[in-house]
C-alpha atoms as a PDB file:
ATOM      1  CA  MET A   1      -0.187  -0.086   0.067  1.00  0.00           C
ATOM      2  CA  LEU A   2       2.820   2.431   0.920  1.00  0.00           C
ATOM      3  CA  LEU A   3       4.539   1.698  -2.228  1.00  0.00           C
ATOM      4  CA  PHE A   4       1.483   2.144  -4.597  1.00  0.00           C
ATOM      5  CA  ALA A   5       0.591   5.373  -2.577  1.00  0.00           C
ATOM      6  CA  ALA A   6       4.104   6.664  -3.343  1.00  0.00           C
ATOM      7  CA  ALA A   7       4.178   5.664  -6.780  1.00  0.00           C
ATOM      8  CA  LEU A   8       0.679   7.316  -7.580  1.00  0.00           C
ATOM      9  CA  TRP A   9       1.532  10.875  -5.983  1.00  0.00           C
ATOM     10  CA  LEU A  10       4.897  10.738  -7.883  1.00  0.00           C
ATOM     11  CA  SER A  11       3.113   9.806 -11.113  1.00  0.00           C
ATOM     12  CA  TRP A  12       0.656  12.460 -10.652  1.00  0.00           C
ATOM     13  CA  ARG A  13       2.795  15.086  -9.817  1.00  0.00           C
ATOM     14  CA  HIS A  14       5.584  14.656 -12.287  1.00  0.00           C
ATOM     15  CA  ALA A  15       4.202  12.565 -15.183  1.00  0.00           C
ATOM     16  CA  PRO A  16       4.068  13.770 -18.705  1.00  0.00           C
ATOM     17  CA  ASP A  17       1.137  15.013 -20.427  1.00  0.00           C
ATOM     18  CA  TRP A  18      -0.283  12.034 -21.692  1.00  0.00           C
ATOM     19  CA  LEU A  19      -0.322  10.172 -18.552  1.00  0.00           C
ATOM     20  CA  SER A  20      -1.513  12.987 -16.481  1.00  0.00           C
ATOM     21  CA  ARG A  21      -4.784  13.039 -18.606  1.00  0.00           C
ATOM     22  CA  HIS A  22      -5.333   9.652 -17.766  1.00  0.00           C
ATOM     23  CA  MET A  23      -5.114  10.393 -13.910  1.00  0.00           C
ATOM     24  CA  GLY A  24      -7.704  13.332 -14.135  1.00  0.00           C
ATOM     25  CA  ASP A  25      -7.569  16.424 -12.375  1.00  0.00           C
ATOM     26  CA  ALA A  26      -7.027  16.845  -8.294  1.00  0.00           C
ATOM     27  CA  ALA A  27     -10.841  15.395  -7.657  1.00  0.00           C
ATOM     28  CA  SER A  28     -10.492  12.710 -10.168  1.00  0.00           C
ATOM     29  CA  PHE A  29      -7.014  11.807  -8.803  1.00  0.00           C
ATOM     30  CA  THR A  30      -8.071  11.115  -5.180  1.00  0.00           C
ATOM     31  CA  SER A  31     -10.751   8.895  -6.549  1.00  0.00           C
ATOM     32  CA  LEU A  32      -8.040   7.114  -8.460  1.00  0.00           C
ATOM     33  CA  PHE A  33      -5.841   7.042  -5.253  1.00  0.00           C
ATOM     34  CA  GLN A  34      -8.662   5.627  -3.307  1.00  0.00           C
ATOM     35  CA  GLY A  35      -9.466   2.935  -6.086  1.00  0.00           C
ATOM     36  CA  SER A  36      -5.866   1.566  -6.045  1.00  0.00           C
ATOM     37  CA  ILE A  37      -5.326   1.763  -2.570  1.00  0.00           C
ATOM     38  CA  ARG A  38      -8.546   0.597  -0.601  1.00  0.00           C
ATOM     39  CA  PHE A  39      -9.966  -2.529  -0.473  1.00  0.00           C
ATOM     40  CA  ASN A  40     -13.757  -3.999   0.570  1.00  0.00           C
ATOM     41  CA  SER A  41     -13.101  -5.778   3.979  1.00  0.00           C
ATOM     42  CA  TYR A  42     -16.419  -7.477   4.036  1.00  0.00           C
ATOM     43  CA  VAL A  43     -15.586  -9.169   0.669  1.00  0.00           C
ATOM     44  CA  GLY A  44     -12.095  -9.908   2.349  1.00  0.00           C
ATOM     45  CA  VAL A  45     -13.359 -11.334   5.696  1.00  0.00           C
ATOM     46  CA  ALA A  46     -15.929 -13.418   3.864  1.00  0.00           C
ATOM     47  CA  GLY A  47     -13.480 -14.757   1.490  1.00  0.00           C
ATOM     48  CA  ALA A  48     -11.081 -15.642   4.336  1.00  0.00           C
ATOM     49  CA  ALA A  49     -13.418 -17.494   6.120  1.00  0.00           C
ATOM     50  CA  ALA A  50     -14.688 -19.321   2.835  1.00  0.00           C
ATOM     51  CA  LEU A  51     -10.811 -20.446   2.144  1.00  0.00           C
ATOM     52  CA  HIS A  52      -9.667 -21.223   5.717  1.00  0.00           C
ATOM     53  CA  GLY A  53     -12.379 -21.074   8.175  1.00  0.00           C
ATOM     54  CA  SER A  54     -12.009 -19.623  11.580  1.00  0.00           C
ATOM     55  CA  ALA A  55      -8.490 -19.386  11.116  1.00  0.00           C
ATOM     56  CA  GLY A  56      -8.896 -17.218   7.825  1.00  0.00           C
ATOM     57  CA  ALA A  57     -11.022 -15.075   9.612  1.00  0.00           C
ATOM     58  CA  THR A  58      -8.457 -14.650  12.703  1.00  0.00           C
ATOM     59  CA  VAL A  59      -5.598 -13.629  10.064  1.00  0.00           C
ATOM     60  CA  ALA A  60      -8.153 -11.498   8.341  1.00  0.00           C
ATOM     61  CA  ALA A  61      -9.088  -9.683  11.514  1.00  0.00           C
ATOM     62  CA  VAL A  62      -5.301  -9.135  11.824  1.00  0.00           C
ATOM     63  CA  ALA A  63      -4.875  -7.488   8.809  1.00  0.00           C
ATOM     64  CA  LEU A  64      -7.813  -5.295   8.956  1.00  0.00           C
ATOM     65  CA  ALA A  65      -6.326  -3.952  12.292  1.00  0.00           C
ATOM     66  CA  LEU A  66      -3.241  -2.898  10.379  1.00  0.00           C
ATOM     67  CA  MET A  67      -4.695  -2.114   7.071  1.00  0.00           C
ATOM     68  CA  VAL A  68      -7.787  -0.151   7.601  1.00  0.00           C
ATOM     69  CA  PRO A  69      -6.030   2.751   9.871  1.00  0.00           C
ATOM     70  CA  ALA A  70      -3.166   2.814   7.327  1.00  0.00           C
ATOM     71  CA  ALA A  71      -5.243   2.992   4.020  1.00  0.00           C
ATOM     72  CA  ASN A  72      -7.528   5.717   5.634  1.00  0.00           C
ATOM     73  CA  LEU A  73      -4.665   7.782   6.723  1.00  0.00           C
ATOM     74  CA  LEU A  74      -3.177   7.619   3.258  1.00  0.00           C
ATOM     75  CA  CYS A  75      -6.225   8.508   1.616  1.00  0.00           C
ATOM     76  CA  VAL A  76      -7.069  11.509   3.858  1.00  0.00           C
ATOM     77  CA  MET A  77      -3.238  12.940   3.071  1.00  0.00           C
ATOM     78  CA  ALA A  78      -3.862  12.298  -0.696  1.00  0.00           C
ATOM     79  CA  PHE A  79      -7.152  14.649  -0.225  1.00  0.00           C
ATOM     80  CA  ILE A  80      -4.869  17.348   1.713  1.00  0.00           C
ATOM     81  CA  GLY A  81      -2.152  16.901  -0.784  1.00  0.00           C
ATOM     82  CA  ALA A  82      -4.177  17.279  -3.958  1.00  0.00           C
ATOM     83  CA  GLY A  83      -5.788  20.428  -2.498  1.00  0.00           C
ATOM     84  CA  THR A  84      -9.468  19.218  -2.840  1.00  0.00           C
ATOM     85  CA  LEU A  85     -10.376  20.567   0.634  1.00  0.00           C
ATOM     86  CA  GLY A  86     -10.254  24.352   0.484  1.00  0.00           C
ATOM     87  CA  GLU A  87      -9.801  26.783   3.493  1.00  0.00           C
ATOM     88  CA  GLY A  88     -10.188  24.758   6.747  1.00  0.00           C
ATOM     89  CA  GLY A  89      -9.653  21.426   4.736  1.00  0.00           C
ATOM     90  CA  LEU A  90      -7.038  19.792   7.189  1.00  0.00           C
ATOM     91  CA  LEU A  91      -9.165  20.254  10.437  1.00  0.00           C
ATOM     92  CA  ARG A  92     -12.391  18.748   8.334  1.00  0.00           C
ATOM     93  CA  SER A  93     -10.300  15.810   6.868  1.00  0.00           C
ATOM     94  CA  LEU A  94      -9.114  15.031  10.577  1.00  0.00           C
ATOM     95  CA  LYS A  95     -12.396  15.115  11.900  1.00  0.00           C
ATOM     96  CA  ALA A  96     -13.512  12.829   8.956  1.00  0.00           C
ATOM     97  CA  LEU A  97     -10.711  10.250  10.070  1.00  0.00           C
ATOM     98  CA  THR A  98     -11.541  10.383  13.896  1.00  0.00           C
ATOM     99  CA  ARG A  99     -15.334   9.700  12.931  1.00  0.00           C
ATOM    100  CA  ASN A 100     -14.463   6.646  10.805  1.00  0.00           C
ATOM    101  CA  PRO A 101     -16.323   3.729  12.196  1.00  0.00           C
ATOM    102  CA  LEU A 102     -13.914   1.373  10.915  1.00  0.00           C
ATOM    103  CA  VAL A 103     -10.974   3.273  12.235  1.00  0.00           C
ATOM    104  CA  LEU A 104     -12.469   3.353  15.768  1.00  0.00           C
ATOM    105  CA  ALA A 105     -13.200  -0.397  15.513  1.00  0.00           C
ATOM    106  CA  CYS A 106      -9.580  -1.342  14.868  1.00  0.00           C
ATOM    107  CA  LEU A 107      -8.242   0.836  17.052  1.00  0.00           C
ATOM    108  CA  ALA A 108     -10.591  -0.081  20.011  1.00  0.00           C
ATOM    109  CA  GLY A 109     -10.359  -3.809  19.498  1.00  0.00           C
ATOM    110  CA  THR A 110      -6.557  -3.511  19.414  1.00  0.00           C
ATOM    111  CA  ALA A 111      -6.427  -1.478  22.565  1.00  0.00           C
ATOM    112  CA  LEU A 112      -8.806  -4.029  24.314  1.00  0.00           C
ATOM    113  CA  ASN A 113      -6.647  -6.902  23.195  1.00  0.00           C
ATOM    114  CA  LEU A 114      -3.039  -5.408  23.952  1.00  0.00           C
ATOM    115  CA  SER A 115      -4.304  -4.323  27.303  1.00  0.00           C
ATOM    116  CA  GLY A 116      -5.464  -7.527  28.374  1.00  0.00           C
ATOM    117  CA  ILE A 117      -8.986  -6.156  29.304  1.00  0.00           C
ATOM    118  CA  GLY A 118     -10.702  -7.779  26.538  1.00  0.00           C
ATOM    119  CA  LEU A 119     -14.525  -8.023  26.564  1.00  0.00           C
ATOM    120  CA  PRO A 120     -16.688  -9.183  29.601  1.00  0.00           C
ATOM    121  CA  GLY A 121     -17.950 -12.785  29.224  1.00  0.00           C
ATOM    122  CA  TRP A 122     -21.667 -11.890  29.237  1.00  0.00           C
ATOM    123  CA  SER A 123     -21.252  -9.804  25.807  1.00  0.00           C
ATOM    124  CA  GLY A 124     -19.829 -12.859  23.963  1.00  0.00           C
ATOM    125  CA  ASP A 125     -23.215 -14.135  22.369  1.00  0.00           C
ATOM    126  CA  ALA A 126     -24.550 -10.570  21.769  1.00  0.00           C
ATOM    127  CA  ILE A 127     -21.399  -9.410  20.045  1.00  0.00           C
ATOM    128  CA  SER A 128     -21.476 -12.909  17.908  1.00  0.00           C
ATOM    129  CA  LEU A 129     -25.169 -12.360  16.925  1.00  0.00           C
ATOM    130  CA  LEU A 130     -24.169  -8.776  15.563  1.00  0.00           C
ATOM    131  CA  GLY A 131     -21.094 -10.359  13.797  1.00  0.00           C
ATOM    132  CA  ARG A 132     -22.900 -12.715  12.013  1.00  0.00           C
ATOM    133  CA  ALA A 133     -25.499 -10.212  10.884  1.00  0.00           C
ATOM    134  CA  ALA A 134     -22.971  -7.669  10.146  1.00  0.00           C
ATOM    135  CA  LEU A 135     -21.092  -9.648   7.046  1.00  0.00           C
ATOM    136  CA  PRO A 136     -24.113 -10.532   5.035  1.00  0.00           C
ATOM    137  CA  LEU A 137     -25.790  -6.981   5.306  1.00  0.00           C
ATOM    138  CA  GLY A 138     -22.369  -5.526   4.559  1.00  0.00           C
ATOM    139  CA  LEU A 139     -22.178  -7.522   1.304  1.00  0.00           C
ATOM    140  CA  VAL A 140     -26.078  -6.555   0.545  1.00  0.00           C
ATOM    141  CA  ALA A 141     -25.022  -3.068   0.813  1.00  0.00           C
ATOM    142  CA  VAL A 142     -22.010  -3.646  -1.638  1.00  0.00           C
ATOM    143  CA  GLY A 143     -24.432  -4.655  -4.223  1.00  0.00           C
ATOM    144  CA  VAL A 144     -26.881  -1.735  -3.333  1.00  0.00           C
ATOM    145  CA  ALA A 145     -23.777   0.455  -4.127  1.00  0.00           C
ATOM    146  CA  LEU A 146     -23.245  -0.811  -7.797  1.00  0.00           C
ATOM    147  CA  ARG A 147     -23.836   1.949 -10.435  1.00  0.00           C
ATOM    148  CA  PRO A 148     -23.405   0.347 -13.887  1.00  0.00           C
ATOM    149  CA  ARG A 149     -24.671   3.604 -15.598  1.00  0.00           C
ATOM    150  CA  VAL A 150     -21.823   5.859 -14.541  1.00  0.00           C
ATOM    151  CA  LEU A 151     -19.388   3.523 -16.016  1.00  0.00           C
ATOM    152  CA  VAL A 152     -19.833   4.896 -19.450  1.00  0.00           C
ATOM    153  CA  SER A 153     -19.098   8.306 -18.205  1.00  0.00           C
ATOM    154  CA  SER A 154     -16.241   7.406 -16.065  1.00  0.00           C
ATOM    155  CA  GLY A 155     -13.554   7.425 -18.936  1.00  0.00           C
ATOM    156  CA  SER A 156      -9.876   6.072 -18.509  1.00  0.00           C
ATOM    157  CA  VAL A 157      -9.403   6.679 -14.746  1.00  0.00           C
ATOM    158  CA  ALA A 158     -11.790   3.953 -13.778  1.00  0.00           C
ATOM    159  CA  TRP A 159      -9.862   1.396 -16.045  1.00  0.00           C
ATOM    160  CA  LEU A 160      -6.861   2.560 -14.917  1.00  0.00           C
ATOM    161  CA  ALA A 161      -7.558   2.244 -10.987  1.00  0.00           C
ATOM    162  CA  SER A 162      -8.943  -1.161 -11.753  1.00  0.00           C
ATOM    163  CA  LEU A 163      -5.674  -2.451 -13.758  1.00  0.00           C
ATOM    164  CA  LEU A 164      -3.728  -1.241 -10.827  1.00  0.00           C
ATOM    165  CA  LYS A 165      -5.707  -2.509  -7.961  1.00  0.00           C
ATOM    166  CA  LEU A 166      -7.061  -5.936  -9.264  1.00  0.00           C
ATOM    167  CA  LEU A 167      -3.780  -6.811 -11.203  1.00  0.00           C
ATOM    168  CA  ALA A 168      -0.448  -4.992 -10.500  1.00  0.00           C
ATOM    169  CA  MET A 169      -1.000  -4.872  -6.807  1.00  0.00           C
ATOM    170  CA  PRO A 170      -1.778  -8.660  -6.205  1.00  0.00           C
ATOM    171  CA  ALA A 171       1.106  -9.429  -8.438  1.00  0.00           C
ATOM    172  CA  LEU A 172       3.291  -7.390  -6.325  1.00  0.00           C
ATOM    173  CA  VAL A 173       1.995  -9.174  -3.219  1.00  0.00           C
ATOM    174  CA  VAL A 174       2.801 -12.777  -4.881  1.00  0.00           C
ATOM    175  CA  VAL A 175       6.427 -11.386  -5.601  1.00  0.00           C
ATOM    176  CA  LEU A 176       6.683 -10.162  -1.742  1.00  0.00           C
ATOM    177  CA  CYS A 177       5.121 -13.568  -0.328  1.00  0.00           C
ATOM    178  CA  ARG A 178       7.657 -15.331  -2.490  1.00  0.00           C
ATOM    179  CA  TRP A 179      10.322 -13.360  -1.484  1.00  0.00           C
ATOM    180  CA  PHE A 180       9.595 -13.021   2.347  1.00  0.00           C
ATOM    181  CA  GLY A 181       8.774 -17.158   2.264  1.00  0.00           C
ATOM    182  CA  LEU A 182       5.022 -16.100   3.525  1.00  0.00           C
ATOM    183  CA  GLU A 183       3.000 -19.541   3.237  1.00  0.00           C
ATOM    184  CA  GLY A 184      -0.257 -21.129   4.048  1.00  0.00           C
ATOM    185  CA  VAL A 185      -3.327 -19.077   5.597  1.00  0.00           C
ATOM    186  CA  ALA A 186      -1.191 -16.127   5.979  1.00  0.00           C
ATOM    187  CA  ARG A 187      -0.044 -16.085   2.109  1.00  0.00           C
ATOM    188  CA  ASP A 188      -3.586 -16.646   1.029  1.00  0.00           C
ATOM    189  CA  VAL A 189      -5.041 -13.732   3.028  1.00  0.00           C
ATOM    190  CA  ALA A 190      -2.186 -11.445   1.912  1.00  0.00           C
ATOM    191  CA  ILE A 191      -3.044 -12.189  -1.642  1.00  0.00           C
ATOM    192  CA  LEU A 192      -6.762 -12.004  -0.730  1.00  0.00           C
ATOM    193  CA  PHE A 193      -6.623  -8.744   0.513  1.00  0.00           C
ATOM    194  CA  ALA A 194      -4.306  -7.157  -2.147  1.00  0.00           C
ATOM    195  CA  ALA A 195      -6.856  -8.370  -4.892  1.00  0.00           C
ATOM    196  CA  LEU A 196      -9.795  -7.175  -3.372  1.00  0.00           C
ATOM    197  CA  PRO A 197     -12.105  -4.517  -5.241  1.00  0.00           C
ATOM    198  CA  THR A 198     -12.078  -1.080  -3.508  1.00  0.00           C
ATOM    199  CA  ALA A 199     -14.281  -0.181  -0.538  1.00  0.00           C
ATOM    200  CA  THR A 200     -17.707   0.961  -1.086  1.00  0.00           C
ATOM    201  CA  SER A 201     -17.285   3.703   2.026  1.00  0.00           C
ATOM    202  CA  ALA A 202     -14.648   5.473  -0.294  1.00  0.00           C
ATOM    203  CA  TYR A 203     -17.851   6.973  -2.008  1.00  0.00           C
ATOM    204  CA  ILE A 204     -18.701   8.549   1.378  1.00  0.00           C
ATOM    205  CA  LEU A 205     -15.186   9.822   1.722  1.00  0.00           C
ATOM    206  CA  ALA A 206     -15.072  11.498  -1.649  1.00  0.00           C
ATOM    207  CA  ARG A 207     -18.286  13.236  -1.114  1.00  0.00           C
ATOM    208  CA  GLN A 208     -16.940  14.734   2.313  1.00  0.00           C
ATOM    209  CA  LEU A 209     -13.583  15.754   1.190  1.00  0.00           C
ATOM    210  CA  GLY A 210     -14.071  17.183  -2.132  1.00  0.00           C
ATOM    211  CA  GLY A 211     -13.470  14.218  -4.156  1.00  0.00           C
ATOM    212  CA  ASN A 212     -15.044  12.860  -7.453  1.00  0.00           C
ATOM    213  CA  ALA A 213     -17.851  11.093  -6.081  1.00  0.00           C
ATOM    214  CA  GLU A 214     -19.472  10.025  -9.306  1.00  0.00           C
ATOM    215  CA  LEU A 215     -16.087   8.701 -10.439  1.00  0.00           C
ATOM    216  CA  MET A 216     -15.838   6.923  -7.294  1.00  0.00           C
ATOM    217  CA  ALA A 217     -18.961   5.051  -7.658  1.00  0.00           C
ATOM    218  CA  ALA A 218     -17.647   4.083 -11.185  1.00  0.00           C
ATOM    219  CA  LEU A 219     -14.751   2.734  -9.869  1.00  0.00           C
ATOM    220  CA  ILE A 220     -16.335   0.749  -7.096  1.00  0.00           C
ATOM    221  CA  THR A 221     -18.969  -0.766  -9.677  1.00  0.00           C
ATOM    222  CA  ALA A 222     -16.165  -1.619 -12.177  1.00  0.00           C
ATOM    223  CA  GLN A 223     -13.912  -3.069  -9.454  1.00  0.00           C
ATOM    224  CA  THR A 224     -16.545  -5.090  -7.907  1.00  0.00           C
ATOM    225  CA  LEU A 225     -17.661  -6.598 -11.053  1.00  0.00           C
ATOM    226  CA  LEU A 226     -14.361  -7.404 -12.365  1.00  0.00           C
ATOM    227  CA  ALA A 227     -13.332  -8.982  -9.054  1.00  0.00           C
ATOM    228  CA  MET A 228     -15.747 -11.803  -9.745  1.00  0.00           C
ATOM    229  CA  LEU A 229     -13.094 -12.800 -12.634  1.00  0.00           C
ATOM    230  CA  THR A 230      -9.848 -11.882 -11.183  1.00  0.00           C
ATOM    231  CA  LEU A 231     -10.108 -12.976  -7.561  1.00  0.00           C
ATOM    232  CA  PRO A 232     -10.544 -16.680  -8.288  1.00  0.00           C
ATOM    233  CA  LEU A 233      -7.435 -16.449 -10.430  1.00  0.00           C
ATOM    234  CA  TRP A 234      -5.097 -14.915  -7.825  1.00  0.00           C
ATOM    235  CA  LEU A 235      -6.423 -17.196  -5.216  1.00  0.00           C
ATOM    236  CA  ALA A 236      -5.548 -20.202  -7.464  1.00  0.00           C
ATOM    237  CA  ASN A 237      -2.228 -18.809  -7.890  1.00  0.00           C
END
Protein backbone atom coordinates (compact mmCIF):
# COMPACT_ATOMS: atom_id res chain seq x y z
CA MET A 1 0.00 0.00 0.00
CA LEU A 2 2.82 2.40 0.85
CA LEU A 3 4.64 1.62 -2.40
CA PHE A 4 1.50 2.17 -4.48
CA ALA A 5 0.63 5.37 -2.61
CA ALA A 6 4.09 6.81 -3.23
CA ALA A 7 4.11 5.71 -6.88
CA LEU A 8 0.68 7.20 -7.56
CA TRP A 9 1.53 10.51 -5.93
CA LEU A 10 4.86 10.88 -7.72
CA SER A 11 3.31 9.86 -11.03
CA TRP A 12 0.53 12.43 -10.72
CA ARG A 13 2.92 15.21 -9.71
CA HIS A 14 5.66 14.49 -12.23
CA ALA A 15 4.03 12.45 -15.00
CA PRO A 16 4.25 13.50 -18.66
CA ASP A 17 1.14 15.13 -20.11
CA TRP A 18 -0.18 11.98 -21.80
CA LEU A 19 -0.20 10.11 -18.49
CA SER A 20 -1.54 13.05 -16.48
CA ARG A 21 -4.60 13.17 -18.72
CA HIS A 22 -5.41 9.59 -17.74
CA MET A 23 -5.01 10.38 -14.03
CA GLY A 24 -7.44 13.30 -14.13
CA ASP A 25 -7.65 16.58 -12.22
CA ALA A 26 -7.21 16.85 -8.45
CA ALA A 27 -10.69 15.56 -7.59
CA SER A 28 -10.43 12.68 -10.05
CA PHE A 29 -6.94 11.81 -8.83
CA THR A 30 -8.23 11.33 -5.28
CA SER A 31 -10.76 8.83 -6.62
CA LEU A 32 -8.00 7.08 -8.58
CA PHE A 33 -5.91 7.01 -5.39
CA GLN A 34 -8.72 5.53 -3.28
CA GLY A 35 -9.58 3.07 -6.01
CA SER A 36 -5.99 1.81 -6.10
CA ILE A 37 -5.31 1.70 -2.34
CA ARG A 38 -8.52 0.88 -0.46
CA PHE A 39 -10.08 -2.58 -0.23
CA ASN A 40 -13.51 -4.02 0.54
CA SER A 41 -13.11 -5.49 4.01
CA TYR A 42 -16.51 -7.23 3.94
CA VAL A 43 -15.56 -9.26 0.88
CA GLY A 44 -12.13 -9.91 2.40
CA VAL A 45 -13.45 -11.36 5.66
CA ALA A 46 -16.02 -13.45 3.80
CA GLY A 47 -13.36 -14.78 1.43
CA ALA A 48 -10.86 -15.55 4.20
CA ALA A 49 -13.48 -17.44 6.19
CA ALA A 50 -14.58 -19.37 3.09
CA LEU A 51 -11.00 -20.35 2.30
CA HIS A 52 -9.70 -21.29 5.75
CA GLY A 53 -12.58 -21.15 8.23
CA SER A 54 -11.89 -19.60 11.64
CA ALA A 55 -8.13 -19.53 11.01
CA GLY A 56 -8.65 -17.43 7.89
CA ALA A 57 -11.04 -15.08 9.70
CA THR A 58 -8.50 -14.62 12.50
CA VAL A 59 -5.68 -13.71 10.12
CA ALA A 60 -8.07 -11.40 8.25
CA ALA A 61 -8.88 -9.62 11.52
CA VAL A 62 -5.17 -9.01 12.13
CA ALA A 63 -4.80 -7.70 8.57
CA LEU A 64 -7.77 -5.37 9.01
CA ALA A 65 -6.40 -3.96 12.27
CA LEU A 66 -3.23 -2.94 10.44
CA MET A 67 -4.54 -2.04 7.00
CA VAL A 68 -7.75 -0.09 7.71
CA PRO A 69 -6.14 2.77 9.69
CA ALA A 70 -3.23 2.89 7.23
CA ALA A 71 -5.51 3.02 4.17
CA ASN A 72 -7.71 5.75 5.62
CA LEU A 73 -4.72 7.84 6.69
CA LEU A 74 -3.10 7.54 3.26
CA CYS A 75 -6.33 8.51 1.49
CA VAL A 76 -6.95 11.54 3.72
CA MET A 77 -3.35 12.63 3.10
CA ALA A 78 -4.02 12.34 -0.64
CA PHE A 79 -7.03 14.67 -0.34
CA ILE A 80 -4.94 17.15 1.65
CA GLY A 81 -2.04 17.01 -0.82
CA ALA A 82 -4.31 17.31 -3.87
CA GLY A 83 -5.90 20.45 -2.41
CA THR A 84 -9.53 19.38 -2.81
CA LEU A 85 -10.49 20.51 0.70
CA GLY A 86 -10.10 24.27 0.42
CA GLU A 87 -9.71 26.46 3.48
CA GLY A 88 -10.01 24.62 6.77
CA GLY A 89 -9.57 21.38 4.88
CA LEU A 90 -6.98 19.89 7.20
CA LEU A 91 -9.26 20.17 10.24
CA ARG A 92 -12.22 18.81 8.26
CA SER A 93 -10.20 15.84 7.03
CA LEU A 94 -8.94 15.03 10.52
CA LYS A 95 -12.51 15.12 11.83
CA ALA A 96 -13.60 12.76 9.06
CA LEU A 97 -10.75 10.40 9.94
CA THR A 98 -11.53 10.39 13.67
CA ARG A 99 -15.21 9.67 12.96
CA ASN A 100 -14.52 6.77 10.62
CA PRO A 101 -16.21 3.74 12.25
CA LEU A 102 -13.76 1.22 10.74
CA VAL A 103 -10.76 3.11 12.12
CA LEU A 104 -12.40 3.51 15.54
CA ALA A 105 -13.34 -0.18 15.67
CA CYS A 106 -9.81 -1.32 14.78
CA LEU A 107 -8.22 0.99 17.34
CA ALA A 108 -10.69 -0.01 20.07
CA GLY A 109 -10.29 -3.72 19.39
CA THR A 110 -6.50 -3.49 19.28
CA ALA A 111 -6.45 -1.54 22.56
CA LEU A 112 -8.70 -4.07 24.30
CA ASN A 113 -6.54 -6.91 23.04
CA LEU A 114 -3.11 -5.47 23.87
CA SER A 115 -4.21 -4.19 27.29
CA GLY A 116 -5.51 -7.61 28.29
CA ILE A 117 -8.87 -6.11 29.26
CA GLY A 118 -10.80 -7.89 26.53
CA LEU A 119 -14.57 -7.99 26.45
CA PRO A 120 -16.79 -9.08 29.35
CA GLY A 121 -17.83 -12.71 29.13
CA TRP A 122 -21.53 -11.94 29.08
CA SER A 123 -21.14 -9.90 25.85
CA GLY A 124 -19.88 -12.84 23.77
CA ASP A 125 -23.24 -14.14 22.55
CA ALA A 126 -24.62 -10.68 21.73
CA ILE A 127 -21.52 -9.60 19.82
CA SER A 128 -21.42 -12.94 18.00
CA LEU A 129 -24.98 -12.40 16.79
CA LEU A 130 -24.15 -8.87 15.62
CA GLY A 131 -21.04 -10.15 13.87
CA ARG A 132 -22.93 -12.85 11.98
CA ALA A 133 -25.47 -10.25 10.83
CA ALA A 134 -22.89 -7.60 9.90
CA LEU A 135 -21.13 -9.56 7.18
CA PRO A 136 -24.18 -10.44 5.03
CA LEU A 137 -25.60 -6.94 5.52
CA GLY A 138 -22.28 -5.47 4.41
CA LEU A 139 -22.30 -7.63 1.28
CA VAL A 140 -25.88 -6.50 0.54
CA ALA A 141 -24.67 -2.90 0.85
CA VAL A 142 -21.91 -3.64 -1.67
CA GLY A 143 -24.52 -4.78 -4.18
CA VAL A 144 -26.79 -1.80 -3.56
CA ALA A 145 -23.86 0.59 -4.11
CA LEU A 146 -23.18 -0.69 -7.65
CA ARG A 147 -23.94 1.92 -10.33
CA PRO A 148 -23.42 0.44 -13.81
CA ARG A 149 -24.68 3.58 -15.58
CA VAL A 150 -21.85 5.79 -14.34
CA LEU A 151 -19.27 3.49 -15.94
CA VAL A 152 -20.16 4.90 -19.36
CA SER A 153 -19.00 8.41 -18.43
CA SER A 154 -16.10 7.45 -16.16
CA GLY A 155 -13.39 7.61 -18.81
CA SER A 156 -10.00 5.96 -18.56
CA VAL A 157 -9.44 6.69 -14.84
CA ALA A 158 -11.81 3.90 -13.75
CA TRP A 159 -10.02 1.36 -15.89
CA LEU A 160 -6.55 2.54 -14.83
CA ALA A 161 -7.52 2.19 -11.15
CA SER A 162 -8.99 -1.26 -11.81
CA LEU A 163 -5.82 -2.36 -13.59
CA LEU A 164 -3.68 -1.20 -10.66
CA LYS A 165 -5.90 -2.59 -7.92
CA LEU A 166 -6.96 -5.93 -9.37
CA LEU A 167 -3.82 -6.88 -11.29
CA ALA A 168 -0.74 -4.85 -10.36
CA MET A 169 -1.13 -4.84 -6.57
CA PRO A 170 -1.82 -8.59 -6.16
CA ALA A 171 1.06 -9.35 -8.55
CA LEU A 172 3.39 -7.33 -6.33
CA VAL A 173 2.11 -9.13 -3.21
CA VAL A 174 2.65 -12.55 -4.82
CA VAL A 175 6.28 -11.56 -5.46
CA LEU A 176 6.69 -10.25 -1.91
CA CYS A 177 5.17 -13.43 -0.43
CA ARG A 178 7.74 -15.52 -2.30
CA TRP A 179 10.53 -13.15 -1.32
CA PHE A 180 9.67 -13.28 2.41
CA GLY A 181 8.73 -16.97 2.39
CA LEU A 182 5.11 -16.40 3.42
CA GLU A 183 3.04 -19.57 3.13
CA GLY A 184 -0.26 -21.16 4.07
CA VAL A 185 -3.13 -19.14 5.52
CA ALA A 186 -1.09 -15.95 5.89
CA ARG A 187 -0.05 -16.03 2.22
CA ASP A 188 -3.60 -16.65 1.00
CA VAL A 189 -5.03 -13.82 3.10
CA ALA A 190 -2.29 -11.42 2.01
CA ILE A 191 -2.99 -12.13 -1.67
CA LEU A 192 -6.76 -11.99 -1.07
CA PHE A 193 -6.62 -8.55 0.54
CA ALA A 194 -4.31 -7.24 -2.19
CA ALA A 195 -6.70 -8.44 -4.91
CA LEU A 196 -9.93 -7.11 -3.34
CA PRO A 197 -11.97 -4.43 -5.11
CA THR A 198 -11.98 -0.97 -3.57
CA ALA A 199 -14.18 -0.16 -0.57
CA THR A 200 -17.73 1.12 -0.95
CA SER A 201 -17.04 3.57 1.90
CA ALA A 202 -14.63 5.38 -0.45
CA TYR A 203 -17.70 7.01 -2.04
CA ILE A 204 -18.61 8.64 1.29
CA LEU A 205 -15.07 9.95 1.80
CA ALA A 206 -15.06 11.35 -1.73
CA ARG A 207 -18.26 13.28 -1.01
CA GLN A 208 -17.01 14.52 2.36
CA LEU A 209 -13.58 15.69 1.23
CA GLY A 210 -14.14 17.18 -2.20
CA GLY A 211 -13.36 14.20 -4.41
CA ASN A 212 -15.09 13.10 -7.59
CA ALA A 213 -17.90 11.07 -6.03
CA GLU A 214 -19.46 9.98 -9.33
CA LEU A 215 -16.13 8.68 -10.57
CA MET A 216 -15.67 6.91 -7.23
CA ALA A 217 -19.03 5.20 -7.73
CA ALA A 218 -17.88 4.08 -11.17
CA LEU A 219 -14.64 2.69 -9.73
CA ILE A 220 -16.52 0.74 -7.05
CA THR A 221 -18.88 -0.71 -9.62
CA ALA A 222 -16.19 -1.64 -12.16
CA GLN A 223 -13.87 -3.24 -9.62
CA THR A 224 -16.59 -5.17 -7.79
CA LEU A 225 -17.79 -6.68 -11.07
CA LEU A 226 -14.30 -7.38 -12.43
CA ALA A 227 -13.15 -8.91 -9.14
CA MET A 228 -15.59 -11.77 -9.69
CA LEU A 229 -13.22 -12.79 -12.51
CA THR A 230 -9.84 -11.81 -11.12
CA LEU A 231 -10.14 -12.93 -7.47
CA PRO A 232 -10.48 -16.67 -8.25
CA LEU A 233 -7.49 -16.46 -10.59
CA TRP A 234 -5.23 -14.91 -7.94
CA LEU A 235 -6.38 -17.29 -5.21
CA ALA A 236 -5.64 -20.25 -7.48
CA ASN A 237 -2.08 -18.99 -7.99
